[in-house]
Amino acid sequence: MKEGVLTDRQREVLRYRKAGLTQQQIADIIQTSKANICTIEKSAMENVRRARETLDFFYSLDARHICTIEKGSDLLEASKKIYAEAEKIGIKVRYDNIQLMNRIREEIPEKNKSRFVREKIEVYLKNDGDLYFE
């Protein structure tokens, strides 16, 4: 039975992978090919990514756009810009500098590398000080 965005098979494969099994080991257990496991895992991860993007959009509906971090920006400078823009509207960001840079790195890894922004990032701030990025 499909719950949410993952099929039962996708859930099963992700559970095995999380437990440390290789694709070949999983294929042997559920009696299919390694190539099929690879396809299932890839589809599952794409579904997870899309679900995460949908949730980010949903949560950002309660937030306001405060700034854009341009391509090539240093994350340290970006965090200063975020704090300054939040201060202008009287909202305290709930993260310190390190936490903020880590959130950007973890939530949108495809848009940054090391300390630098690879693609522009739109920053949204909620009244409770939480941030969302697109």
Protein backbone atom coordinates (compact mmCIF):
# COMPACT_ATOMS: atom_id res chain seq x y z
CA MET A 1 0.00 0.00 0.00
CA LYS A 2 1.33 3.43 -0.91
CA GLU A 3 1.48 5.94 1.92
CA GLY A 4 2.63 9.43 1.14
CA VAL A 5 4.93 9.74 -1.83
CA LEU A 6 6.79 6.42 -1.49
CA THR A 7 5.64 2.98 -2.56
CA ASP A 8 5.99 0.05 -0.18
CA ARG A 9 8.90 -1.22 -2.26
CA GLN A 10 10.65 2.15 -2.14
CA ARG A 11 10.23 2.25 1.64
CA GLU A 12 11.60 -1.27 1.92
CA VAL A 13 14.67 -0.47 -0.18
CA LEU A 14 15.37 2.75 1.71
CA ARG A 15 15.08 0.92 5.05
CA TYR A 16 17.59 -1.69 3.90
CA ARG A 17 19.94 1.00 2.58
CA LYS A 18 19.68 2.93 5.85
CA ALA A 19 20.60 -0.30 7.65
CA GLY A 20 23.79 -0.40 5.58
CA LEU A 21 22.97 -3.06 3.01
CA THR A 22 24.36 -2.78 -0.51
CA GLN A 23 22.10 -2.72 -3.54
CA GLN A 24 23.23 -6.24 -4.40
CA GLN A 25 22.39 -7.52 -0.91
CA ILE A 26 18.92 -5.97 -1.14
CA ALA A 27 18.43 -7.45 -4.61
CA ASP A 28 19.28 -10.89 -3.23
CA ILE A 29 16.85 -10.50 -0.33
CA ILE A 30 13.88 -9.38 -2.39
CA GLN A 31 14.83 -11.50 -5.40
CA THR A 32 15.31 -8.91 -8.08
CA SER A 33 18.22 -7.41 -9.97
CA LYS A 34 20.69 -4.88 -8.65
CA ALA A 35 19.70 -2.61 -11.55
CA ASN A 36 16.08 -2.72 -10.37
CA ILE A 37 17.13 -1.80 -6.83
CA CYS A 38 19.14 1.09 -8.24
CA THR A 39 16.07 2.32 -10.14
CA ILE A 40 13.80 1.94 -7.10
CA GLU A 41 16.25 3.79 -4.86
CA LYS A 42 16.74 6.59 -7.38
CA SER A 43 12.97 7.03 -7.79
CA ALA A 44 12.49 7.02 -4.03
CA MET A 45 15.12 9.70 -3.51
CA GLU A 46 13.55 11.82 -6.25
CA ASN A 47 10.16 11.45 -4.54
CA VAL A 48 11.71 12.49 -1.23
CA ARG A 49 13.32 15.53 -2.88
CA ARG A 50 10.02 16.57 -4.46
CA ALA A 51 8.15 16.08 -1.18
CA ARG A 52 10.73 18.20 0.62
CA GLU A 53 10.38 20.96 -1.99
CA THR A 54 6.60 20.85 -1.62
CA LEU A 55 6.83 21.13 2.16
CA ASP A 56 9.33 23.97 1.89
CA PHE A 57 6.91 25.80 -0.38
CA PHE A 58 4.01 25.16 1.99
CA TYR A 59 5.92 26.40 5.02
CA SER A 60 7.19 29.41 3.12
CA LEU A 61 3.61 30.58 2.58
CA ASP A 62 3.70 31.94 6.14
CA ALA A 63 7.04 33.60 5.53
CA ARG A 64 8.07 36.76 3.78
CA HIS A 65 10.83 37.14 1.25
CA ILE A 66 13.63 39.14 2.85
CA CYS A 67 16.52 38.90 0.41
CA THR A 68 18.27 37.17 -2.44
CA ILE A 69 21.75 35.78 -2.03
CA GLU A 70 23.49 36.09 -5.36
CA LYS A 71 25.62 33.47 -7.07
CA GLY A 72 29.25 33.73 -5.97
CA SER A 73 28.42 35.16 -2.54
CA ASP A 74 30.32 34.01 0.52
CA LEU A 75 27.99 32.30 3.02
CA LEU A 76 29.49 34.31 5.86
CA GLU A 77 28.55 37.54 4.09
CA ALA A 78 25.18 36.06 3.16
CA SER A 79 24.38 35.37 6.80
CA LYS A 80 25.22 38.99 7.67
CA LYS A 81 22.81 40.13 4.96
CA ILE A 82 20.07 37.84 6.29
CA TYR A 83 20.50 39.17 9.85
CA ALA A 84 20.45 42.77 8.62
CA GLU A 85 17.28 42.28 6.57
CA ALA A 86 15.56 40.48 9.45
CA GLU A 87 16.50 43.29 11.81
CA LYS A 88 14.93 45.85 9.44
CA ILE A 89 11.54 44.18 9.89
CA GLY A 90 12.00 43.54 13.61
CA ILE A 91 12.35 39.76 13.58
CA LYS A 92 15.20 37.94 15.31
CA VAL A 93 16.60 35.02 13.32
CA ARG A 94 16.56 31.93 15.53
CA TYR A 95 19.95 30.65 14.36
CA ASP A 96 23.46 31.78 15.17
CA ASN A 97 25.94 32.32 12.34
CA ILE A 98 27.29 28.75 12.27
CA GLN A 99 23.81 27.21 12.49
CA LEU A 100 22.58 29.46 9.70
CA MET A 101 25.43 28.57 7.35
CA ASN A 102 24.95 24.88 8.15
CA ARG A 103 21.22 25.11 7.42
CA ILE A 104 21.93 26.62 4.03
CA ARG A 105 24.53 23.93 3.29
CA GLU A 106 22.24 21.09 4.39
CA GLU A 107 18.88 22.28 3.05
CA ILE A 108 20.01 23.34 -0.38
CA PRO A 109 23.34 21.59 -0.97
CA GLU A 110 22.95 21.89 -4.72
CA LYS A 111 23.08 25.69 -4.45
CA ASN A 112 26.31 25.99 -2.51
CA LYS A 113 29.78 24.57 -2.33
CA SER A 114 32.01 25.01 0.67
CA ARG A 115 31.44 28.63 1.69
CA PHE A 116 30.20 29.91 -1.65
CA VAL A 117 26.82 30.15 -3.36
CA ARG A 118 26.65 28.35 -6.74
CA GLU A 119 23.09 29.45 -7.60
CA LYS A 120 21.12 32.37 -6.27
CA ILE A 121 19.17 31.66 -3.10
CA GLU A 122 15.87 33.26 -2.15
CA VAL A 123 15.54 33.71 1.61
CA TYR A 124 12.19 33.73 3.44
CA LEU A 125 11.66 34.57 7.10
CA LYS A 126 8.76 33.60 9.34
CA ASN A 127 7.59 35.70 12.28
CA ASP A 128 9.05 33.13 14.69
CA GLY A 129 12.54 33.65 13.22
CA ASP A 130 12.65 30.47 11.19
CA LEU A 131 14.06 30.63 7.67
CA TYR A 132 13.27 28.89 4.40
CA PHE A 133 15.35 28.87 1.26
CA GLU A 134 14.59 28.38 -2.42
